[in-house]
Amino acid sequence: MSIEQTIKDQISDNNILLYMKGSPQMPQCGFSAQVIQVLMQCGKRFAYVDVLSNPEIRANLPKVSDWPTFPQLFIDGELVGGCDIVTEMHENGELQPMLEKAAAEAE
């Protein structure tokens, strides 16, 4: 299986998926840490992939998502965005309903 197909499968298999540097318990960059804080505040379970320990994913995800930086949050198979977009959506109330809908679909 190609790495691009692996990425597409990860995105389709997880209703809420964060590609980040490090883990939720130990983020390895400030932007990843900020998105983790936002997701924790929203209180919904999510999957994550550490791009630092998966260099092939780190190299190929930007081609699949057409987004150059990390972290990258996917909800229901769609790229929501990176740190600034996720933080802004959380602050203006757009993110919580999206996460609740995706979490309900996963149950």
C-alpha atoms as a PDB file:
ATOM      1  CA  MET A   1       0.000   0.000   0.000  1.00  0.00           C
ATOM      2  CA  SER A   2       1.313   3.451  -0.848  1.00  0.00           C
ATOM      3  CA  ILE A   3       1.913   6.021   1.879  1.00  0.00           C
ATOM      4  CA  GLU A   4      -0.687   8.265   0.227  1.00  0.00           C
ATOM      5  CA  GLN A   5      -3.266   5.473   0.533  1.00  0.00           C
ATOM      6  CA  THR A   6      -2.276   4.903   4.166  1.00  0.00           C
ATOM      7  CA  ILE A   7      -2.892   8.604   4.884  1.00  0.00           C
ATOM      8  CA  LYS A   8      -6.244   8.546   3.078  1.00  0.00           C
ATOM      9  CA  ASP A   9      -7.246   5.444   5.063  1.00  0.00           C
ATOM     10  CA  GLN A  10      -6.268   7.100   8.350  1.00  0.00           C
ATOM     11  CA  ILE A  11      -8.361  10.144   7.475  1.00  0.00           C
ATOM     12  CA  SER A  12     -11.395   8.093   6.432  1.00  0.00           C
ATOM     13  CA  ASP A  13     -11.131   5.677   9.390  1.00  0.00           C
ATOM     14  CA  ASN A  14     -11.115   8.404  12.083  1.00  0.00           C
ATOM     15  CA  ASN A  15     -13.919  10.950  12.431  1.00  0.00           C
ATOM     16  CA  ILE A  16     -11.604  13.313  14.316  1.00  0.00           C
ATOM     17  CA  LEU A  17      -7.908  13.027  13.454  1.00  0.00           C
ATOM     18  CA  LEU A  18      -5.008  15.301  14.291  1.00  0.00           C
ATOM     19  CA  TYR A  19      -1.658  15.075  12.543  1.00  0.00           C
ATOM     20  CA  MET A  20       0.733  16.681  14.996  1.00  0.00           C
ATOM     21  CA  LYS A  21       4.299  16.872  16.214  1.00  0.00           C
ATOM     22  CA  GLY A  22       4.567  14.683  19.296  1.00  0.00           C
ATOM     23  CA  SER A  23       1.660  13.239  21.276  1.00  0.00           C
ATOM     24  CA  PRO A  24      -1.230  14.795  23.199  1.00  0.00           C
ATOM     25  CA  GLN A  25       0.657  13.982  26.417  1.00  0.00           C
ATOM     26  CA  MET A  26       3.909  15.453  25.089  1.00  0.00           C
ATOM     27  CA  PRO A  27       3.464  17.844  22.137  1.00  0.00           C
ATOM     28  CA  GLN A  28       6.738  18.698  20.404  1.00  0.00           C
ATOM     29  CA  CYS A  29       5.791  22.152  19.118  1.00  0.00           C
ATOM     30  CA  GLY A  30       3.775  25.073  20.401  1.00  0.00           C
ATOM     31  CA  PHE A  31       1.225  24.931  17.593  1.00  0.00           C
ATOM     32  CA  SER A  32       0.489  21.252  18.239  1.00  0.00           C
ATOM     33  CA  ALA A  33       0.213  21.998  21.970  1.00  0.00           C
ATOM     34  CA  GLN A  34      -2.290  24.778  21.308  1.00  0.00           C
ATOM     35  CA  VAL A  35      -4.520  22.574  19.129  1.00  0.00           C
ATOM     36  CA  ILE A  36      -4.380  19.824  21.778  1.00  0.00           C
ATOM     37  CA  GLN A  37      -5.556  22.348  24.388  1.00  0.00           C
ATOM     38  CA  VAL A  38      -8.474  23.360  22.166  1.00  0.00           C
ATOM     39  CA  LEU A  39      -9.476  19.736  21.510  1.00  0.00           C
ATOM     40  CA  MET A  40      -9.224  18.874  25.213  1.00  0.00           C
ATOM     41  CA  GLN A  41     -11.474  21.824  26.070  1.00  0.00           C
ATOM     42  CA  CYS A  42     -14.023  20.539  23.558  1.00  0.00           C
ATOM     43  CA  GLY A  43     -14.053  17.188  25.359  1.00  0.00           C
ATOM     44  CA  LYS A  44     -14.376  14.819  22.387  1.00  0.00           C
ATOM     45  CA  ARG A  45     -12.184  11.785  21.746  1.00  0.00           C
ATOM     46  CA  PHE A  46      -9.833  12.091  18.795  1.00  0.00           C
ATOM     47  CA  ALA A  47      -7.122  10.090  17.094  1.00  0.00           C
ATOM     48  CA  TYR A  48      -3.681  11.463  16.379  1.00  0.00           C
ATOM     49  CA  VAL A  49      -0.619  10.655  14.313  1.00  0.00           C
ATOM     50  CA  ASP A  50       2.823  11.846  15.405  1.00  0.00           C
ATOM     51  CA  VAL A  51       4.468  13.051  12.205  1.00  0.00           C
ATOM     52  CA  LEU A  52       7.878  13.195  13.906  1.00  0.00           C
ATOM     53  CA  SER A  53       7.897   9.435  14.434  1.00  0.00           C
ATOM     54  CA  ASN A  54       6.372   8.845  10.972  1.00  0.00           C
ATOM     55  CA  PRO A  55       8.697  10.676   8.543  1.00  0.00           C
ATOM     56  CA  GLU A  56       6.978   9.228   5.454  1.00  0.00           C
ATOM     57  CA  ILE A  57       3.649  10.620   6.596  1.00  0.00           C
ATOM     58  CA  ARG A  58       5.287  13.941   7.465  1.00  0.00           C
ATOM     59  CA  ALA A  59       6.774  14.135   3.964  1.00  0.00           C
ATOM     60  CA  ASN A  60       3.639  13.061   2.079  1.00  0.00           C
ATOM     61  CA  LEU A  61       0.682  14.459   4.043  1.00  0.00           C
ATOM     62  CA  PRO A  62       1.106  17.977   2.608  1.00  0.00           C
ATOM     63  CA  LYS A  63       0.679  16.494  -0.893  1.00  0.00           C
ATOM     64  CA  VAL A  64      -2.514  14.674   0.128  1.00  0.00           C
ATOM     65  CA  SER A  65      -4.040  17.537   2.112  1.00  0.00           C
ATOM     66  CA  ASP A  66      -2.646  20.423   0.055  1.00  0.00           C
ATOM     67  CA  TRP A  67      -1.648  22.041   3.371  1.00  0.00           C
ATOM     68  CA  PRO A  68       2.069  22.639   4.030  1.00  0.00           C
ATOM     69  CA  THR A  69       2.326  22.867   7.823  1.00  0.00           C
ATOM     70  CA  PHE A  70       1.532  20.905  10.992  1.00  0.00           C
ATOM     71  CA  PRO A  71      -0.638  20.345  12.920  1.00  0.00           C
ATOM     72  CA  GLN A  72      -3.504  19.419  10.609  1.00  0.00           C
ATOM     73  CA  LEU A  73      -6.965  18.653  11.969  1.00  0.00           C
ATOM     74  CA  PHE A  74      -9.378  16.510   9.963  1.00  0.00           C
ATOM     75  CA  ILE A  75     -13.052  16.183  10.902  1.00  0.00           C
ATOM     76  CA  ASP A  76     -15.271  13.746   8.994  1.00  0.00           C
ATOM     77  CA  GLY A  77     -12.593  13.270   6.334  1.00  0.00           C
ATOM     78  CA  GLU A  78     -12.172  16.993   5.616  1.00  0.00           C
ATOM     79  CA  LEU A  79      -9.195  19.168   6.463  1.00  0.00           C
ATOM     80  CA  VAL A  80     -10.318  21.845   8.913  1.00  0.00           C
ATOM     81  CA  GLY A  81      -6.931  23.535   9.081  1.00  0.00           C
ATOM     82  CA  GLY A  82      -3.971  24.220  11.279  1.00  0.00           C
ATOM     83  CA  CYS A  83      -3.458  25.948  14.586  1.00  0.00           C
ATOM     84  CA  ASP A  84      -4.702  29.444  13.699  1.00  0.00           C
ATOM     85  CA  ILE A  85      -7.864  28.227  11.972  1.00  0.00           C
ATOM     86  CA  VAL A  86      -8.709  25.673  14.689  1.00  0.00           C
ATOM     87  CA  THR A  87      -8.138  28.262  17.445  1.00  0.00           C
ATOM     88  CA  GLU A  88     -10.261  30.867  15.647  1.00  0.00           C
ATOM     89  CA  MET A  89     -13.069  28.358  15.025  1.00  0.00           C
ATOM     90  CA  HIS A  90     -13.002  27.382  18.712  1.00  0.00           C
ATOM     91  CA  GLU A  91     -13.144  31.014  19.840  1.00  0.00           C
ATOM     92  CA  ASN A  92     -16.095  31.857  17.590  1.00  0.00           C
ATOM     93  CA  GLY A  93     -18.034  28.701  18.454  1.00  0.00           C
ATOM     94  CA  GLU A  94     -17.793  26.909  15.093  1.00  0.00           C
ATOM     95  CA  LEU A  95     -15.549  24.033  16.169  1.00  0.00           C
ATOM     96  CA  GLN A  96     -17.577  22.507  19.023  1.00  0.00           C
ATOM     97  CA  PRO A  97     -20.661  21.613  16.908  1.00  0.00           C
ATOM     98  CA  MET A  98     -18.438  20.055  14.230  1.00  0.00           C
ATOM     99  CA  LEU A  99     -16.663  17.918  16.833  1.00  0.00           C
ATOM    100  CA  GLU A 100     -19.927  16.915  18.511  1.00  0.00           C
ATOM    101  CA  LYS A 101     -21.432  15.822  15.183  1.00  0.00           C
ATOM    102  CA  ALA A 102     -18.303  13.836  14.239  1.00  0.00           C
ATOM    103  CA  ALA A 103     -18.094  12.218  17.694  1.00  0.00           C
ATOM    104  CA  ALA A 104     -21.770  11.215  17.556  1.00  0.00           C
ATOM    105  CA  GLU A 105     -21.239   9.599  14.150  1.00  0.00           C
ATOM    106  CA  ALA A 106     -18.310   7.596  15.531  1.00  0.00           C
ATOM    107  CA  GLU A 107     -20.397   6.040  18.334  1.00  0.00           C
END
